[in-house]
Amino acid sequence: MTIDETPVLDNHLHLDPDNHRGIDAVRDFAHLGGTHLLVVNKPSWHLGVEVETGDDFRHGFDRTVEIVSEASSELEGRAWPVLGVHPGLISRLVDDRGFSPDEARDLMRAGIDVAAEYVKSGDALALKSGRPHYEVDDDVWDASNTVMRWAFERAGDLECAVQLHAEASEDMTEVTDWAADAGLPAHRVVKHYASGRLEGPIPSVMSEKDRLETAAERGAPFLMETDYIDDPDRPGAVLGPKTVPRRVAWLLENGHEDAVRIAHVETPKRVYGIETEETLERA
């Protein structure tokens, strides 16, 4: 198999609709064989919005939906939006803006509710939530977990997936237990920025060779991502948009055809219900 014979999905990246590369990044991805994208809205404050109400999140969500539509026109497959509230917002609200943890929790849950509207209407594929990946006070940690569990409740109702931004870990079964309690199966919980080994959620593996080798050798469901942030102030941060196609080609060269099918066909269908092969129109 060659890269021209398989869908190639980047499960988690950001596109800045106004200030940086935007669609040019999509073209880079497509030029090297990339076919499908899951585009996650940038944090609200990165788009110049200091949220006060749930409705204030709509600007970022709408801009993401718009650029995803543009991205789809550049791809042989298509792109989908993933919308939600970045868990780092709680620190911005509490530390910089004087919110109590409970006030921040309520505002972030309102943002999740708005994101859920987009999923319900078919304008978004999945939700984004999580908890800080850095040390925080216990009351902030508890509030963050409450927001994340609320996202599980909404996703359970909608029968959609949740992408999590959270601390580095190889065992998050407690989190998928919480999801199950909320009516959301473990296979619809995705850990963004994952290593190649993870118990509980589906790992969305950062596309570094060592992590991908681990995931490929396990044979368990996984996805691939870059977490490309499309930030003019941090041009070299995380991985570039060409990385997933390059790593797929590398996996195929090294005999990992089964892993490529798992990551780009089987797992996307299981987690999100999307058909990467059926939505692929090769030139």
Protein backbone atom coordinates (compact mmCIF):
# COMPACT_ATOMS: atom_id res chain seq x y z
CA MET A 1 0.00 0.00 0.00
CA THR A 2 1.10 3.57 -0.70
CA ILE A 3 -0.18 6.81 0.78
CA ASP A 4 -2.23 7.36 -2.39
CA GLU A 5 -4.29 4.30 -1.52
CA THR A 6 -5.48 5.31 1.95
CA PRO A 7 -7.35 8.15 3.63
CA VAL A 8 -5.05 10.30 5.78
CA LEU A 9 -6.71 12.01 8.76
CA ASP A 10 -5.21 14.56 11.14
CA ASN A 11 -7.45 14.17 14.18
CA HIS A 12 -6.59 17.43 15.96
CA LEU A 13 -5.26 20.69 14.60
CA HIS A 14 -6.20 24.34 14.66
CA LEU A 15 -6.62 26.81 11.83
CA ASP A 16 -6.54 30.54 12.42
CA PRO A 17 -9.21 32.06 10.16
CA ASP A 18 -7.80 35.58 10.37
CA ASN A 19 -4.19 35.93 11.48
CA HIS A 20 -1.91 33.23 10.15
CA ARG A 21 -1.66 30.48 7.53
CA GLY A 22 -5.22 29.16 7.58
CA ILE A 23 -6.05 27.53 4.26
CA ASP A 24 -2.39 27.55 3.18
CA ALA A 25 -1.75 25.03 5.96
CA VAL A 26 -4.54 22.85 4.57
CA ARG A 27 -2.97 23.00 1.13
CA ASP A 28 0.37 21.85 2.61
CA PHE A 29 -1.42 18.92 4.24
CA ALA A 30 -3.25 17.98 1.04
CA HIS A 31 -0.18 18.35 -1.17
CA LEU A 32 1.58 15.55 0.71
CA GLY A 33 -1.42 13.22 0.64
CA GLY A 34 -3.58 14.39 3.53
CA THR A 35 -7.29 13.91 2.90
CA HIS A 36 -9.30 14.54 6.07
CA LEU A 37 -9.08 16.96 9.01
CA LEU A 38 -10.72 17.42 12.38
CA VAL A 39 -10.33 21.12 13.08
CA VAL A 40 -10.65 22.20 16.71
CA ASN A 41 -11.66 25.77 17.53
CA LYS A 42 -8.84 27.89 18.89
CA PRO A 43 -9.20 29.10 22.51
CA SER A 44 -11.59 32.03 22.65
CA TRP A 45 -8.99 34.51 23.88
CA HIS A 46 -6.68 33.64 20.97
CA LEU A 47 -9.41 35.02 18.72
CA GLY A 48 -9.66 38.24 20.71
CA VAL A 49 -12.79 37.34 22.70
CA GLU A 50 -12.91 37.60 26.49
CA VAL A 51 -16.04 35.60 27.19
CA GLU A 52 -18.69 36.80 29.63
CA THR A 53 -21.59 34.54 28.61
CA GLY A 54 -22.07 31.27 26.79
CA ASP A 55 -23.11 33.14 23.66
CA ASP A 56 -19.72 34.85 23.54
CA PHE A 57 -18.22 31.53 22.42
CA ARG A 58 -20.24 31.66 19.18
CA HIS A 59 -17.77 33.96 17.43
CA GLY A 60 -14.99 31.37 17.66
CA PHE A 61 -17.32 28.52 16.81
CA ASP A 62 -18.74 30.31 13.77
CA ARG A 63 -15.31 31.24 12.44
CA THR A 64 -14.18 27.62 12.88
CA VAL A 65 -17.20 26.30 10.98
CA GLU A 66 -16.48 28.78 8.18
CA ILE A 67 -12.82 27.88 7.78
CA VAL A 68 -13.64 24.17 7.94
CA SER A 69 -15.99 24.64 4.99
CA GLU A 70 -13.14 26.31 3.11
CA ALA A 71 -10.77 23.51 4.12
CA SER A 72 -13.10 20.85 2.76
CA SER A 73 -12.93 22.46 -0.68
CA GLU A 74 -9.14 21.92 -0.66
CA LEU A 75 -9.27 18.24 0.32
CA GLU A 76 -9.94 15.02 -1.57
CA GLY A 77 -11.85 14.00 1.54
CA ARG A 78 -13.33 16.60 3.87
CA ALA A 79 -12.90 18.42 7.17
CA TRP A 80 -15.13 18.52 10.25
CA PRO A 81 -15.28 20.99 13.15
CA VAL A 82 -14.74 19.95 16.78
CA LEU A 83 -16.08 22.64 19.10
CA GLY A 84 -15.85 23.27 22.80
CA VAL A 85 -14.09 25.07 25.63
CA HIS A 86 -10.35 24.90 26.20
CA PRO A 87 -9.76 23.81 29.82
CA GLY A 88 -7.03 26.43 30.21
CA LEU A 89 -9.76 29.07 30.16
CA ILE A 90 -10.43 28.39 33.82
CA SER A 91 -7.01 29.74 34.78
CA ARG A 92 -7.48 32.82 32.63
CA LEU A 93 -10.84 33.46 34.27
CA VAL A 94 -9.74 32.81 37.85
CA ASP A 95 -6.17 34.11 37.82
CA ASP A 96 -6.46 37.04 35.42
CA ARG A 97 -10.09 38.13 35.48
CA GLY A 98 -11.17 37.61 39.08
CA PHE A 99 -13.76 34.87 38.58
CA SER A 100 -14.36 32.41 41.38
CA PRO A 101 -13.84 28.75 40.38
CA ASP A 102 -17.59 28.21 40.56
CA GLU A 103 -18.29 31.21 38.32
CA ALA A 104 -15.68 30.00 35.83
CA ARG A 105 -17.20 26.51 35.93
CA ASP A 106 -20.66 27.83 35.13
CA LEU A 107 -19.43 29.97 32.24
CA MET A 108 -17.46 27.08 30.76
CA ARG A 109 -20.44 24.75 31.06
CA ALA A 110 -22.50 27.37 29.23
CA GLY A 111 -19.87 27.30 26.47
CA ILE A 112 -20.20 23.52 26.25
CA ASP A 113 -23.96 23.92 25.94
CA VAL A 114 -23.50 26.27 22.99
CA ALA A 115 -21.04 23.90 21.33
CA ALA A 116 -23.58 21.11 21.79
CA GLU A 117 -26.07 23.15 19.76
CA TYR A 118 -23.69 23.01 16.79
CA VAL A 119 -23.32 19.25 17.13
CA LYS A 120 -27.07 18.80 17.38
CA SER A 121 -27.65 20.84 14.22
CA GLY A 122 -24.96 18.92 12.31
CA ASP A 123 -22.60 21.90 12.07
CA ALA A 124 -19.98 20.19 14.26
CA LEU A 125 -18.88 16.60 14.65
CA ALA A 126 -17.77 16.39 18.28
CA LEU A 127 -17.15 18.33 21.50
CA LYS A 128 -13.92 19.47 23.10
CA SER A 129 -13.33 19.68 26.85
CA GLY A 130 -10.83 18.47 29.45
CA ARG A 131 -8.94 19.71 32.46
CA PRO A 132 -5.66 21.56 33.05
CA HIS A 133 -2.47 19.65 32.25
CA TYR A 134 -0.60 21.72 34.86
CA GLU A 135 -0.82 22.14 38.64
CA VAL A 136 -3.86 24.06 39.89
CA ASP A 137 -5.58 24.57 43.24
CA ASP A 138 -7.99 21.87 44.37
CA ASP A 139 -11.06 24.06 43.85
CA VAL A 140 -10.00 24.82 40.27
CA TRP A 141 -9.30 21.11 39.66
CA ASP A 142 -12.73 20.16 41.01
CA ALA A 143 -14.44 22.81 38.91
CA SER A 144 -12.57 21.61 35.81
CA ASN A 145 -13.63 18.02 36.39
CA THR A 146 -17.22 19.20 36.74
CA VAL A 147 -17.00 20.95 33.35
CA MET A 148 -15.50 17.85 31.75
CA ARG A 149 -18.20 15.63 33.21
CA TRP A 150 -20.82 18.05 31.89
CA ALA A 151 -19.32 17.64 28.42
CA PHE A 152 -19.72 13.89 28.83
CA GLU A 153 -23.39 14.38 29.75
CA ARG A 154 -24.04 16.49 26.66
CA ALA A 155 -22.09 14.12 24.39
CA GLY A 156 -23.97 11.15 25.82
CA ASP A 157 -27.25 12.81 24.91
CA LEU A 158 -25.98 13.69 21.43
CA GLU A 159 -24.20 10.36 20.85
CA CYS A 160 -21.06 12.20 19.79
CA ALA A 161 -17.42 12.01 20.84
CA VAL A 162 -15.47 14.28 23.18
CA GLN A 163 -11.86 15.23 22.58
CA LEU A 164 -10.02 15.84 25.84
CA HIS A 165 -7.17 18.22 26.54
CA ALA A 166 -5.70 16.89 29.79
CA GLU A 167 -2.57 15.91 31.67
CA ALA A 168 -0.07 13.40 30.29
CA SER A 169 -1.05 9.91 31.40
CA GLU A 170 -1.07 6.29 30.27
CA ASP A 171 -4.11 5.39 32.38
CA MET A 172 -7.26 7.49 32.39
CA THR A 173 -9.78 4.76 33.10
CA GLU A 174 -11.27 6.84 35.90
CA VAL A 175 -12.20 9.45 33.29
CA THR A 176 -13.83 6.93 30.96
CA ASP A 177 -15.68 5.52 33.98
CA TRP A 178 -17.10 8.99 34.54
CA ALA A 179 -18.06 9.15 30.87
CA ALA A 180 -19.80 5.78 31.09
CA ASP A 181 -21.72 7.01 34.14
CA ALA A 182 -22.92 9.91 31.98
CA GLY A 183 -24.02 7.59 29.17
CA LEU A 184 -20.97 8.11 26.96
CA PRO A 185 -19.08 4.92 25.95
CA ALA A 186 -15.32 4.88 26.51
CA HIS A 187 -14.62 4.61 22.79
CA ARG A 188 -16.19 8.05 22.27
CA VAL A 189 -13.66 9.67 24.63
CA VAL A 190 -10.47 10.74 22.84
CA LYS A 191 -7.30 11.87 24.63
CA HIS A 192 -5.67 14.55 22.51
CA TYR A 193 -1.85 14.81 22.56
CA ALA A 194 -1.50 11.19 23.68
CA SER A 195 1.46 8.88 23.79
CA GLY A 196 1.31 5.55 21.99
CA ARG A 197 -0.02 3.71 25.04
CA LEU A 198 -3.17 4.66 26.94
CA GLU A 199 -5.79 2.83 28.99
CA GLY A 200 -9.31 4.25 28.97
CA PRO A 201 -9.80 6.82 26.22
CA ILE A 202 -8.86 6.37 22.58
CA PRO A 203 -5.39 7.89 22.17
CA SER A 204 -4.97 10.62 19.57
CA VAL A 205 -1.27 10.06 19.19
CA MET A 206 1.11 12.93 18.57
CA SER A 207 2.76 12.04 15.29
CA GLU A 208 6.28 11.48 16.52
CA LYS A 209 7.93 8.29 15.35
CA ASP A 210 8.49 6.72 18.77
CA ARG A 211 4.91 7.29 19.87
CA LEU A 212 3.55 5.96 16.58
CA GLU A 213 5.72 2.84 16.73
CA THR A 214 4.33 2.08 20.18
CA ALA A 215 0.75 2.58 18.99
CA ALA A 216 1.29 0.51 15.85
CA GLU A 217 2.80 -2.39 17.76
CA ARG A 218 -0.07 -2.43 20.28
CA GLY A 219 -2.62 -3.00 17.54
CA ALA A 220 -5.30 -1.18 19.56
CA PRO A 221 -7.50 1.63 18.22
CA PHE A 222 -5.72 4.98 17.88
CA LEU A 223 -5.77 8.19 15.88
CA MET A 224 -2.99 10.47 14.63
CA GLU A 225 -2.64 14.21 15.14
CA THR A 226 -0.28 17.18 14.97
CA ASP A 227 -1.97 19.71 17.28
CA TYR A 228 -0.83 22.30 14.72
CA ILE A 229 -1.72 25.62 16.35
CA ASP A 230 -1.43 28.05 13.40
CA ASP A 231 -0.09 30.83 15.63
CA PRO A 232 2.02 33.61 14.10
CA ASP A 233 3.70 34.21 17.47
CA ARG A 234 4.73 30.54 17.81
CA PRO A 235 5.51 29.41 14.26
CA GLY A 236 7.50 26.34 15.31
CA ALA A 237 5.24 25.16 18.11
CA VAL A 238 4.01 21.56 18.15
CA LEU A 239 3.99 19.80 14.74
CA GLY A 240 3.42 21.22 11.27
CA PRO A 241 0.50 20.37 8.95
CA LYS A 242 2.68 18.18 6.70
CA THR A 243 3.56 15.80 9.55
CA VAL A 244 0.68 13.31 9.48
CA PRO A 245 0.99 12.53 5.75
CA ARG A 246 4.75 12.15 6.16
CA ARG A 247 4.32 9.80 9.12
CA VAL A 248 1.69 7.74 7.29
CA ALA A 249 4.14 7.28 4.42
CA TRP A 250 6.81 6.30 6.95
CA LEU A 251 4.50 3.79 8.66
CA LEU A 252 3.67 2.21 5.31
CA GLU A 253 7.34 2.01 4.34
CA ASN A 254 7.96 0.15 7.59
CA GLY A 255 5.23 -2.44 7.11
CA HIS A 256 2.56 -0.95 9.35
CA GLU A 257 -0.35 -1.12 6.89
CA ASP A 258 -2.69 -2.50 9.56
CA ALA A 259 -1.89 0.40 11.88
CA VAL A 260 -2.57 2.92 9.13
CA ARG A 261 -5.96 1.34 8.46
CA ILE A 262 -6.74 1.34 12.19
CA ALA A 263 -5.85 5.02 12.58
CA HIS A 264 -7.37 6.41 9.40
CA VAL A 265 -10.35 4.17 8.62
CA GLU A 266 -11.46 1.93 11.50
CA THR A 267 -10.97 4.19 14.52
CA PRO A 268 -12.52 7.32 12.95
CA LYS A 269 -15.59 5.25 12.10
CA ARG A 270 -15.80 3.74 15.59
CA VAL A 271 -15.25 7.01 17.46
CA TYR A 272 -17.03 9.56 15.29
CA GLY A 273 -19.15 7.49 12.91
CA ILE A 274 -17.35 8.99 9.91
CA GLU A 275 -16.52 7.08 6.72
CA THR A 276 -13.12 8.27 5.57
CA GLU A 277 -13.07 5.94 2.57
CA GLU A 278 -16.57 6.78 1.38
CA THR A 279 -15.91 10.53 1.68
CA LEU A 280 -12.69 10.23 -0.34
CA GLU A 281 -12.74 11.29 -3.96
CA ARG A 282 -9.34 10.65 -5.46
CA ALA A 283 -8.41 12.69 -8.50
